[in-house]
Amino acid sequence: VQLVESGGGLVQPGGSLRLSCAASEFTFSNYDTSWYRQAPGKEREFVALITKGRGNTDYTDSVKGRFTISRDNVKNTVYLQMNSLKPEDAAVYFCHAFSALFGRDYWGKGTLVTVSS
């Protein structure tokens, strides 16, 4: 089973990026899927969640109003649209999928986001 993140890169402050998380061998709509991030020298932190089924969303306070998590059930992909990026958003972003029902917990390898002028 693989989670593969993509879409990271270098962006200027105030810019936008869209991260993607693609899955093989399972269906995102059956899993709670989150984005986490880890900056150098810091612990990994929660960024955003989209729940299985209905797709309710939740965000850490620092990204509310700027980031949007979404899911495309046809493409079996979860996205993180990041707008108004700040230097403090720079980190490696990881995709995480969890199912208590199936007893499964998956992490991707991460994609690097750099915010700098």
C-alpha atoms as a PDB file:
ATOM      1  CA  VAL A   1       0.000   0.000   0.000  1.00  0.00           C
ATOM      2  CA  GLN A   2       1.329   3.404  -0.935  1.00  0.00           C
ATOM      3  CA  LEU A   3       0.434   6.990  -0.274  1.00  0.00           C
ATOM      4  CA  VAL A   4       2.223   9.286  -2.678  1.00  0.00           C
ATOM      5  CA  GLU A   5       2.302  13.021  -2.099  1.00  0.00           C
ATOM      6  CA  SER A   6       3.087  15.526  -4.824  1.00  0.00           C
ATOM      7  CA  GLY A   7       2.792  19.219  -5.556  1.00  0.00           C
ATOM      8  CA  GLY A   8       5.386  20.636  -3.225  1.00  0.00           C
ATOM      9  CA  GLY A   9       7.905  23.206  -4.331  1.00  0.00           C
ATOM     10  CA  LEU A  10       9.221  26.711  -3.877  1.00  0.00           C
ATOM     11  CA  VAL A  11       6.713  29.538  -3.648  1.00  0.00           C
ATOM     12  CA  GLN A  12       6.943  33.187  -2.639  1.00  0.00           C
ATOM     13  CA  PRO A  13       5.124  34.445   0.448  1.00  0.00           C
ATOM     14  CA  GLY A  14       1.514  35.082  -0.446  1.00  0.00           C
ATOM     15  CA  GLY A  15       1.569  32.435  -3.143  1.00  0.00           C
ATOM     16  CA  SER A  16      -0.371  29.201  -3.526  1.00  0.00           C
ATOM     17  CA  LEU A  17       0.306  25.515  -3.941  1.00  0.00           C
ATOM     18  CA  ARG A  18      -1.906  22.479  -4.220  1.00  0.00           C
ATOM     19  CA  LEU A  19      -0.670  19.250  -2.717  1.00  0.00           C
ATOM     20  CA  SER A  20      -2.021  15.906  -3.835  1.00  0.00           C
ATOM     21  CA  CYS A  21      -2.077  12.550  -2.080  1.00  0.00           C
ATOM     22  CA  ALA A  22      -2.788   9.517  -4.214  1.00  0.00           C
ATOM     23  CA  ALA A  23      -3.460   6.055  -2.865  1.00  0.00           C
ATOM     24  CA  SER A  24      -3.086   2.580  -4.206  1.00  0.00           C
ATOM     25  CA  GLU A  25      -4.943  -0.471  -2.905  1.00  0.00           C
ATOM     26  CA  PHE A  26      -7.484   1.309  -0.740  1.00  0.00           C
ATOM     27  CA  THR A  27     -10.235   3.887  -1.073  1.00  0.00           C
ATOM     28  CA  PHE A  28      -9.867   7.258   0.598  1.00  0.00           C
ATOM     29  CA  SER A  29     -13.589   7.600   1.136  1.00  0.00           C
ATOM     30  CA  ASN A  30     -13.342   4.761   3.671  1.00  0.00           C
ATOM     31  CA  TYR A  31     -10.524   6.427   5.610  1.00  0.00           C
ATOM     32  CA  ASP A  32     -10.021   9.533   7.714  1.00  0.00           C
ATOM     33  CA  THR A  33      -7.275  11.357   5.845  1.00  0.00           C
ATOM     34  CA  SER A  34      -5.089  14.089   7.201  1.00  0.00           C
ATOM     35  CA  TRP A  35      -2.232  16.307   6.218  1.00  0.00           C
ATOM     36  CA  TYR A  36       0.582  16.814   8.699  1.00  0.00           C
ATOM     37  CA  ARG A  37       3.727  18.877   8.378  1.00  0.00           C
ATOM     38  CA  GLN A  38       7.148  18.888   9.912  1.00  0.00           C
ATOM     39  CA  ALA A  39       9.532  21.823   9.793  1.00  0.00           C
ATOM     40  CA  PRO A  40      13.260  21.388  10.475  1.00  0.00           C
ATOM     41  CA  GLY A  41      13.917  20.954  14.183  1.00  0.00           C
ATOM     42  CA  LYS A  42      10.222  20.767  15.019  1.00  0.00           C
ATOM     43  CA  GLU A  43       7.762  18.006  15.753  1.00  0.00           C
ATOM     44  CA  ARG A  44       5.299  16.804  13.179  1.00  0.00           C
ATOM     45  CA  GLU A  45       2.034  18.714  13.533  1.00  0.00           C
ATOM     46  CA  PHE A  46      -1.530  18.233  12.364  1.00  0.00           C
ATOM     47  CA  VAL A  47      -2.670  20.532   9.565  1.00  0.00           C
ATOM     48  CA  ALA A  48      -6.015  19.354   8.193  1.00  0.00           C
ATOM     49  CA  LEU A  49      -8.432  16.415   8.248  1.00  0.00           C
ATOM     50  CA  ILE A  50     -11.162  15.141   5.984  1.00  0.00           C
ATOM     51  CA  THR A  51     -13.312  12.386   7.431  1.00  0.00           C
ATOM     52  CA  LYS A  52     -14.421   9.230   5.696  1.00  0.00           C
ATOM     53  CA  GLY A  53     -17.840   9.186   4.157  1.00  0.00           C
ATOM     54  CA  ARG A  54     -19.314  12.664   4.501  1.00  0.00           C
ATOM     55  CA  GLY A  55     -15.978  14.378   4.278  1.00  0.00           C
ATOM     56  CA  ASN A  56     -16.252  16.705   7.215  1.00  0.00           C
ATOM     57  CA  THR A  57     -13.163  18.847   7.575  1.00  0.00           C
ATOM     58  CA  ASP A  58     -11.080  20.285  10.368  1.00  0.00           C
ATOM     59  CA  TYR A  59      -7.978  22.481  10.453  1.00  0.00           C
ATOM     60  CA  THR A  60      -5.355  23.659  12.809  1.00  0.00           C
ATOM     61  CA  ASP A  61      -5.969  27.275  13.752  1.00  0.00           C
ATOM     62  CA  SER A  62      -2.923  28.647  11.961  1.00  0.00           C
ATOM     63  CA  VAL A  63      -4.188  27.568   8.522  1.00  0.00           C
ATOM     64  CA  LYS A  64      -7.923  28.207   8.871  1.00  0.00           C
ATOM     65  CA  GLY A  65      -9.162  30.424   6.079  1.00  0.00           C
ATOM     66  CA  ARG A  66      -6.042  29.805   3.990  1.00  0.00           C
ATOM     67  CA  PHE A  67      -5.891  26.031   3.442  1.00  0.00           C
ATOM     68  CA  THR A  68      -8.604  23.741   2.112  1.00  0.00           C
ATOM     69  CA  ILE A  69      -8.585  19.951   2.243  1.00  0.00           C
ATOM     70  CA  SER A  70     -10.714  18.094  -0.264  1.00  0.00           C
ATOM     71  CA  ARG A  71     -11.192  14.657  -1.746  1.00  0.00           C
ATOM     72  CA  ASP A  72     -11.915  13.443  -5.279  1.00  0.00           C
ATOM     73  CA  ASN A  73     -13.536  10.030  -4.921  1.00  0.00           C
ATOM     74  CA  VAL A  74     -13.298   9.304  -8.646  1.00  0.00           C
ATOM     75  CA  LYS A  75      -9.563   9.952  -8.769  1.00  0.00           C
ATOM     76  CA  ASN A  76      -9.099   8.548  -5.253  1.00  0.00           C
ATOM     77  CA  THR A  77      -6.974  11.541  -4.366  1.00  0.00           C
ATOM     78  CA  VAL A  78      -6.922  13.946  -1.440  1.00  0.00           C
ATOM     79  CA  TYR A  79      -5.800  17.523  -1.948  1.00  0.00           C
ATOM     80  CA  LEU A  80      -4.556  20.354   0.190  1.00  0.00           C
ATOM     81  CA  GLN A  81      -5.026  23.735  -1.418  1.00  0.00           C
ATOM     82  CA  MET A  82      -2.733  26.211   0.293  1.00  0.00           C
ATOM     83  CA  ASN A  83      -3.242  29.923  -0.288  1.00  0.00           C
ATOM     84  CA  SER A  84      -1.631  33.018   1.195  1.00  0.00           C
ATOM     85  CA  LEU A  85       1.398  30.982   2.129  1.00  0.00           C
ATOM     86  CA  LYS A  86       3.695  32.287   4.832  1.00  0.00           C
ATOM     87  CA  PRO A  87       7.330  31.465   5.566  1.00  0.00           C
ATOM     88  CA  GLU A  88       6.182  29.599   8.665  1.00  0.00           C
ATOM     89  CA  ASP A  89       4.208  27.201   6.448  1.00  0.00           C
ATOM     90  CA  ALA A  90       7.464  25.840   5.041  1.00  0.00           C
ATOM     91  CA  ALA A  91       7.812  22.173   5.944  1.00  0.00           C
ATOM     92  CA  VAL A  92       7.653  18.655   4.654  1.00  0.00           C
ATOM     93  CA  TYR A  93       3.973  17.825   4.263  1.00  0.00           C
ATOM     94  CA  PHE A  94       2.804  14.280   4.890  1.00  0.00           C
ATOM     95  CA  CYS A  95      -0.421  12.537   3.995  1.00  0.00           C
ATOM     96  CA  HIS A  96      -1.918  10.155   6.570  1.00  0.00           C
ATOM     97  CA  ALA A  97      -4.836   7.760   6.160  1.00  0.00           C
ATOM     98  CA  PHE A  98      -6.426   5.936   9.071  1.00  0.00           C
ATOM     99  CA  SER A  99      -9.210   3.421   9.481  1.00  0.00           C
ATOM    100  CA  ALA A 100     -10.170   2.052  12.877  1.00  0.00           C
ATOM    101  CA  LEU A 101     -12.612  -0.302  11.157  1.00  0.00           C
ATOM    102  CA  PHE A 102      -9.928  -1.916   9.028  1.00  0.00           C
ATOM    103  CA  GLY A 103      -7.123  -1.447  11.556  1.00  0.00           C
ATOM    104  CA  ARG A 104      -4.978   0.381   9.004  1.00  0.00           C
ATOM    105  CA  ASP A 105      -2.709   3.381   9.376  1.00  0.00           C
ATOM    106  CA  TYR A 106      -0.711   4.683   6.388  1.00  0.00           C
ATOM    107  CA  TRP A 107       1.788   7.493   5.948  1.00  0.00           C
ATOM    108  CA  GLY A 108       3.273   8.931   2.794  1.00  0.00           C
ATOM    109  CA  LYS A 109       6.917   9.915   2.445  1.00  0.00           C
ATOM    110  CA  GLY A 110       6.204  13.618   2.254  1.00  0.00           C
ATOM    111  CA  THR A 111       6.571  16.508  -0.136  1.00  0.00           C
ATOM    112  CA  LEU A 112       8.664  19.592   0.589  1.00  0.00           C
ATOM    113  CA  VAL A 113       7.104  23.047   0.642  1.00  0.00           C
ATOM    114  CA  THR A 114       9.464  26.016   0.725  1.00  0.00           C
ATOM    115  CA  VAL A 115       8.109  29.529   1.175  1.00  0.00           C
ATOM    116  CA  SER A 116      10.713  32.146   0.481  1.00  0.00           C
ATOM    117  CA  SER A 117      11.276  35.300  -1.515  1.00  0.00           C
END
